[in-house]
N, C-alpha and C. Protein backbone atom coordinates (compact mmCIF):
# COMPACT_ATOMS: atom_id res chain seq x y z
N UNK A 1 78.91 20.36 14.83
CA UNK A 1 78.84 21.88 14.28
C UNK A 1 78.47 21.50 12.57
N UNK A 2 78.06 21.78 12.07
CA UNK A 2 77.61 21.90 10.45
C UNK A 2 78.71 22.65 10.16
N UNK A 3 78.77 22.48 8.61
CA UNK A 3 79.88 23.18 8.04
C UNK A 3 79.61 24.54 7.85
N UNK A 4 78.10 24.65 7.43
CA UNK A 4 78.02 26.16 7.25
C UNK A 4 77.86 27.00 8.44
N UNK A 5 77.80 26.37 9.88
CA UNK A 5 77.90 27.35 11.27
C UNK A 5 79.47 27.99 11.35
N UNK A 6 80.41 26.88 10.68
CA UNK A 6 81.57 26.87 11.10
C UNK A 6 82.17 28.38 10.39
N UNK A 7 81.70 28.14 8.85
CA UNK A 7 81.93 29.16 8.15
C UNK A 7 81.17 30.50 8.43
N UNK A 8 80.46 30.66 9.08
CA UNK A 8 79.59 31.91 9.64
C UNK A 8 80.72 32.21 10.73
N UNK A 9 81.08 31.49 11.89
CA UNK A 9 81.82 31.80 12.86
C UNK A 9 83.05 32.66 12.66
N UNK A 10 83.46 31.64 11.35
CA UNK A 10 85.07 32.12 10.96
C UNK A 10 84.79 33.62 10.13
N UNK A 11 83.96 33.61 9.50
CA UNK A 11 83.46 34.98 8.48
C UNK A 11 83.57 36.05 10.03
N UNK A 12 82.35 35.83 10.99
CA UNK A 12 82.34 36.66 11.94
C UNK A 12 83.48 37.01 12.63
N UNK A 13 84.39 36.17 13.09
CA UNK A 13 85.57 36.47 13.51
C UNK A 13 86.46 36.90 13.15
N UNK A 14 86.23 36.52 11.36
CA UNK A 14 87.56 37.44 10.86
C UNK A 14 87.22 38.82 10.37
N UNK A 15 85.42 39.11 10.51
CA UNK A 15 85.14 40.82 10.34
C UNK A 15 85.55 41.12 11.44
N UNK A 16 85.37 40.86 12.75
CA UNK A 16 86.13 41.46 13.93
C UNK A 16 87.66 41.54 13.93
N UNK A 17 88.20 40.58 13.46
CA UNK A 17 89.56 40.76 13.24
C UNK A 17 90.23 41.70 12.44
N UNK A 18 89.48 42.02 11.31
CA UNK A 18 89.74 43.08 10.57
C UNK A 18 89.59 44.40 11.00
N UNK A 19 88.51 44.53 11.52
CA UNK A 19 88.15 45.95 12.39
C UNK A 19 88.98 45.95 13.61
N UNK A 20 89.62 45.09 14.12
CA UNK A 20 90.20 45.47 15.17
C UNK A 20 92.02 45.88 14.53
N UNK A 21 92.06 45.33 13.28
CA UNK A 21 93.57 45.85 12.81
C UNK A 21 93.24 47.03 12.31
N UNK A 22 92.20 47.21 11.69
CA UNK A 22 92.22 48.68 11.35
C UNK A 22 92.17 49.71 12.45
N UNK A 23 91.71 49.33 13.21
CA UNK A 23 91.67 50.24 14.89
C UNK A 23 93.22 50.88 15.03
N UNK A 24 93.71 49.56 15.14
CA UNK A 24 95.14 49.43 15.63
C UNK A 24 96.04 50.38 14.60
N UNK A 25 95.76 49.86 13.76
CA UNK A 25 96.54 50.77 12.50
C UNK A 25 96.30 52.14 12.28
N UNK A 26 95.10 52.67 12.43
CA UNK A 26 95.12 54.21 12.55
C UNK A 26 95.28 54.73 14.02
N UNK A 27 95.20 54.11 15.27
CA UNK A 27 95.97 54.37 16.58
C UNK A 27 97.14 54.42 16.46
N UNK A 28 97.82 53.63 15.94
CA UNK A 28 99.12 53.84 15.86
C UNK A 28 99.75 55.24 15.02
N UNK A 29 99.03 55.40 13.80
CA UNK A 29 99.33 56.52 13.02
C UNK A 29 98.85 57.70 13.88
N UNK A 30 97.90 57.89 14.58
CA UNK A 30 97.58 59.01 15.37
C UNK A 30 98.59 59.10 16.49
N UNK A 31 99.14 58.22 17.22
CA UNK A 31 100.11 58.28 18.02
C UNK A 31 101.43 58.60 17.90
N UNK A 32 101.65 58.30 16.68
CA UNK A 32 103.09 58.31 15.90
C UNK A 32 102.98 60.37 15.74
N UNK A 33 101.89 60.61 15.13
CA UNK A 33 101.77 61.81 14.55
C UNK A 33 101.70 62.77 15.77
N UNK A 34 101.32 62.36 16.98
CA UNK A 34 100.94 63.19 18.33
C UNK A 34 102.46 63.20 19.04
N UNK A 35 102.79 62.26 19.04
CA UNK A 35 104.41 61.98 19.94
C UNK A 35 105.07 62.92 19.04
N UNK A 36 105.47 62.77 17.72
CA UNK A 36 106.40 63.49 16.99
C UNK A 36 106.08 64.90 16.79
N UNK A 37 104.78 65.60 17.60
CA UNK A 37 104.55 66.73 17.35
C UNK A 37 105.17 67.86 17.98
N UNK A 38 105.43 68.93 18.11
CA UNK A 38 106.27 69.66 18.89
C UNK A 38 105.30 70.32 20.01
N UNK A 39 104.12 70.19 19.72
CA UNK A 39 102.92 70.45 21.05
C UNK A 39 103.11 69.25 22.20
N UNK A 40 103.73 68.22 21.57
CA UNK A 40 104.04 67.05 22.79
C UNK A 40 104.92 67.52 23.63
N UNK A 41 105.90 68.14 23.47
CA UNK A 41 106.97 68.66 24.12
C UNK A 41 106.54 69.70 25.39
N UNK A 42 105.40 70.54 24.55
CA UNK A 42 104.88 71.47 25.34
C UNK A 42 103.97 71.03 26.59
N UNK A 43 103.10 70.00 25.91
CA UNK A 43 102.33 69.54 27.03
C UNK A 43 102.81 68.66 28.23
N UNK A 44 103.89 67.67 27.90
CA UNK A 44 104.78 67.21 28.73
C UNK A 44 105.16 68.26 29.81
N UNK A 45 105.75 69.08 29.24
CA UNK A 45 106.44 70.58 30.33
C UNK A 45 105.20 71.07 31.35
N UNK A 46 103.98 71.30 30.50
CA UNK A 46 103.00 72.05 31.51
C UNK A 46 102.60 71.22 32.15
N UNK A 47 102.50 69.62 32.02
CA UNK A 47 101.84 68.56 33.07
C UNK A 47 102.86 68.40 33.59
N UNK A 48 104.35 68.58 33.90
CA UNK A 48 105.29 68.30 34.42
C UNK A 48 105.16 69.65 35.64
N UNK A 49 104.90 70.71 34.89
CA UNK A 49 104.49 71.96 35.92
C UNK A 49 103.48 72.06 36.69
N UNK A 50 102.56 71.44 36.34
CA UNK A 50 101.29 71.21 37.17
C UNK A 50 101.34 70.33 38.13
N UNK A 51 101.97 68.90 37.88
CA UNK A 51 102.49 67.91 38.83
C UNK A 51 103.09 68.88 40.52
N UNK A 52 104.15 69.67 39.68
CA UNK A 52 105.47 70.11 40.72
C UNK A 52 103.82 71.39 41.62
N UNK A 53 103.36 72.10 40.92
CA UNK A 53 102.72 72.83 41.47
C UNK A 53 101.68 72.40 42.68
N UNK A 54 101.06 71.02 41.97
CA UNK A 54 100.24 70.32 43.47
C UNK A 54 100.98 69.80 44.39
N UNK A 55 102.05 69.44 43.94
CA UNK A 55 102.91 68.69 45.15
C UNK A 55 103.13 70.01 46.10
N UNK A 56 103.80 71.01 45.55
CA UNK A 56 104.21 72.11 46.47
C UNK A 56 102.74 72.53 47.24
N UNK A 57 101.65 72.87 46.38
CA UNK A 57 100.53 73.26 47.26
C UNK A 57 100.34 72.35 48.31
N UNK A 58 100.26 71.01 48.20
CA UNK A 58 100.06 69.87 49.19
C UNK A 58 100.89 69.79 50.36
N UNK A 59 102.55 70.18 50.03
CA UNK A 59 103.41 70.51 51.05
C UNK A 59 102.98 71.75 51.84
N UNK A 60 102.51 72.89 51.23
CA UNK A 60 102.45 74.09 52.02
C UNK A 60 101.18 73.66 52.97
N UNK A 61 100.11 73.09 52.17
CA UNK A 61 98.73 72.84 53.29
C UNK A 61 98.89 72.03 54.69
N UNK A 62 100.01 70.91 54.13
CA UNK A 62 100.22 70.21 55.31
C UNK A 62 101.02 70.79 56.35
N UNK A 63 102.19 71.60 55.80
CA UNK A 63 102.85 72.44 56.68
C UNK A 63 101.80 73.71 57.51
N UNK A 64 101.34 73.93 56.79
CA UNK A 64 100.04 75.11 57.66
C UNK A 64 99.35 74.64 58.61
N UNK A 65 98.71 73.15 57.99
CA UNK A 65 98.16 72.27 59.05
C UNK A 65 98.81 71.84 60.13
N UNK A 66 99.88 71.48 60.05
CA UNK A 66 100.82 70.81 61.41
C UNK A 66 100.96 71.95 62.21
N UNK A 67 101.66 73.27 61.82
CA UNK A 67 101.99 74.21 62.49
C UNK A 67 100.81 74.82 63.22
N UNK A 68 99.42 75.03 62.53
CA UNK A 68 98.89 75.52 63.58
C UNK A 68 98.31 74.35 64.43
N UNK A 69 98.32 73.18 64.56
CA UNK A 69 98.10 72.33 65.31
C UNK A 69 98.96 72.47 66.52
N UNK A 70 100.20 72.41 66.11
CA UNK A 70 101.30 72.65 67.10
C UNK A 70 101.42 73.87 68.06
N UNK A 71 101.05 74.97 67.44
CA UNK A 71 100.43 76.52 67.94
C UNK A 71 98.82 76.17 69.05
N UNK A 72 98.11 75.54 68.73
CA UNK A 72 97.16 75.27 69.34
C UNK A 72 97.45 74.00 70.46
N UNK A 73 98.08 72.98 70.12
CA UNK A 73 98.43 72.37 71.46
C UNK A 73 99.69 73.11 72.34
N UNK A 74 100.77 73.91 71.97
CA UNK A 74 100.87 74.56 73.04
C UNK A 74 100.51 75.66 73.60
N UNK A 75 99.51 76.11 72.82
CA UNK A 75 98.52 77.21 73.71
C UNK A 75 97.54 76.58 74.82
N UNK A 76 97.03 75.25 74.32
CA UNK A 76 96.29 74.48 75.42
C UNK A 76 97.33 74.37 76.76
N UNK A 77 98.54 74.05 76.34
CA UNK A 77 99.57 73.01 77.32
C UNK A 77 99.77 74.80 78.31
N UNK A 78 100.06 75.79 77.77
CA UNK A 78 100.20 76.75 78.54
C UNK A 78 98.63 77.07 79.27
N UNK A 79 97.94 76.93 79.01
CA UNK A 79 96.41 77.22 79.38
C UNK A 79 95.94 76.23 80.55
N UNK A 80 96.47 74.86 80.29
CA UNK A 80 96.71 73.85 81.22
C UNK A 80 97.35 74.26 82.51
N UNK A 81 98.57 74.79 82.16
CA UNK A 81 99.69 74.99 83.31
C UNK A 81 99.44 75.96 84.31
N UNK A 82 98.61 77.02 83.47
CA UNK A 82 97.89 78.11 84.49
C UNK A 82 96.65 77.66 85.34
N UNK A 83 95.85 76.90 84.74
CA UNK A 83 94.92 76.27 85.73
C UNK A 83 95.64 75.61 86.88
N UNK A 84 96.08 74.69 86.32
CA UNK A 84 97.34 73.89 87.68
C UNK A 84 97.64 74.97 88.74
N UNK A 85 98.29 75.76 88.17
CA UNK A 85 99.12 76.88 88.96
C UNK A 85 97.88 77.64 90.01
N UNK A 86 96.79 77.88 89.75
CA UNK A 86 95.69 78.53 90.03
C UNK A 86 94.77 77.25 90.91
N UNK A 87 94.75 76.15 90.43
CA UNK A 87 94.18 75.10 91.71
C UNK A 87 95.16 75.12 92.82
N UNK A 88 96.41 74.94 92.68
CA UNK A 88 97.48 74.75 94.02
C UNK A 88 97.02 75.67 94.53
N UNK A 89 97.13 76.94 93.77
CA UNK A 89 96.92 78.24 95.10
C UNK A 89 96.06 78.17 95.60
N UNK A 90 94.58 77.60 95.50
CA UNK A 90 93.33 77.69 95.64
C UNK A 90 93.52 76.41 97.18
N UNK A 91 93.95 75.37 96.71
CA UNK A 91 94.41 74.40 97.70
C UNK A 91 95.30 74.61 98.89
N UNK A 92 95.91 75.47 98.34
CA UNK A 92 96.92 76.00 99.79
C UNK A 92 95.78 76.87 100.44
N UNK A 93 95.06 78.06 100.04
CA UNK A 93 94.44 79.08 100.49
C UNK A 93 93.35 77.95 101.36
N UNK A 94 92.80 76.65 100.75
CA UNK A 94 91.92 75.94 101.65
C UNK A 94 92.67 75.25 103.05
N UNK A 95 93.95 74.85 102.59
CA UNK A 95 94.06 74.13 103.68
C UNK A 95 94.69 74.99 104.97
N UNK A 96 95.15 76.51 104.70
CA UNK A 96 95.45 77.61 105.48
C UNK A 96 94.10 77.59 106.13
N UNK A 97 92.95 77.98 105.51
CA UNK A 97 91.84 78.18 106.49
C UNK A 97 91.43 76.96 107.06
N UNK A 98 91.59 75.87 106.53
CA UNK A 98 91.47 74.54 107.56
C UNK A 98 92.16 74.44 108.87
N UNK A 99 93.39 74.83 108.58
CA UNK A 99 94.65 74.77 110.06
C UNK A 99 94.23 75.96 110.88
N UNK A 100 93.75 77.11 110.26
CA UNK A 100 93.54 78.31 111.23
C UNK A 100 92.65 77.71 112.36
N UNK A 101 93.05 78.26 113.31
CA UNK A 101 91.97 78.18 114.72
C UNK A 101 90.68 78.43 114.26
N UNK A 102 89.33 78.09 114.59
CA UNK A 102 88.23 78.02 114.35
C UNK A 102 87.72 79.57 115.36
N UNK A 103 87.10 80.60 114.79
CA UNK A 103 86.43 81.44 115.43
C UNK A 103 85.11 81.47 116.20
N UNK A 104 84.70 81.64 117.05
CA UNK A 104 83.34 81.57 117.62
C UNK A 104 82.47 82.29 116.50
N UNK A 105 81.45 81.71 116.15
CA UNK A 105 80.50 82.52 115.53
C UNK A 105 79.75 83.66 116.24
N UNK A 106 80.00 84.71 115.90
CA UNK A 106 79.09 85.89 116.68
C UNK A 106 77.76 86.09 116.22
N UNK A 107 76.64 86.56 116.62
CA UNK A 107 75.53 86.90 115.86
C UNK A 107 75.67 88.27 115.31
N UNK A 108 75.02 88.48 114.59
CA UNK A 108 74.74 89.49 113.70
C UNK A 108 73.33 90.30 114.53
N UNK A 109 73.68 91.63 115.01
CA UNK A 109 72.38 91.88 115.47
C UNK A 109 71.49 92.97 114.03
N UNK A 110 70.37 92.42 114.07
CA UNK A 110 69.64 93.35 113.04
C UNK A 110 69.24 94.80 114.05
N UNK A 111 68.58 95.58 113.00
CA UNK A 111 68.42 96.67 113.67
C UNK A 111 67.18 96.32 114.59
N UNK A 112 66.31 95.03 114.22
CA UNK A 112 65.61 95.39 115.19
C UNK A 112 65.30 94.34 116.38
N UNK A 113 66.70 93.78 116.41
CA UNK A 113 67.39 93.29 117.79
C UNK A 113 67.93 94.08 118.64
N UNK A 114 68.57 94.75 118.15
CA UNK A 114 69.13 96.13 118.60
C UNK A 114 68.14 97.12 119.45
N UNK A 115 67.01 97.00 118.78
CA UNK A 115 66.25 98.02 119.12
C UNK A 115 65.66 97.24 120.51
N UNK A 116 65.41 96.02 120.58
CA UNK A 116 64.73 95.18 121.72
C UNK A 116 65.76 95.27 122.72
N UNK A 117 67.13 95.50 122.49
CA UNK A 117 67.92 95.30 123.76
C UNK A 117 68.36 96.55 124.60
N UNK A 118 68.18 97.57 123.66
CA UNK A 118 68.34 99.04 123.73
C UNK A 118 66.87 99.02 125.18
N UNK A 119 65.65 98.69 124.71
CA UNK A 119 64.22 98.87 125.33
C UNK A 119 64.98 98.12 126.54
N UNK A 120 65.21 96.95 126.48
CA UNK A 120 65.49 95.88 127.47
C UNK A 120 66.38 96.91 128.74
N UNK A 121 67.30 97.23 128.48
CA UNK A 121 67.79 98.20 129.10
C UNK A 121 67.55 99.25 129.89
N UNK A 122 66.41 100.01 129.66
CA UNK A 122 65.81 101.18 129.87
C UNK A 122 64.78 100.82 130.86
């Protein structure tokens, strides 16, 4: 590499080094002022309050969600138990009807067949 190119790179990097050092110094001064400010204590306090509020809100939301699900599940269990009792009752009725002696089916007479039977008798 030529001497001139080396000097340009050194100057180029030296410029950015000075720029960075300037930025670092001004940032340090700004942070010192801000950290020593009485408003900083208030900001930290408010941030902590907000964090606590968010945590409490999340806890309440999760509790409500869990309790609703628990209530729904218990209601579902009660409904299933009720349906099981009704099914058992119907099964008992079906078993009773199946075990009962079978009746012979009698023909129902309609009015027209009743008239015909009367006419035959006369």
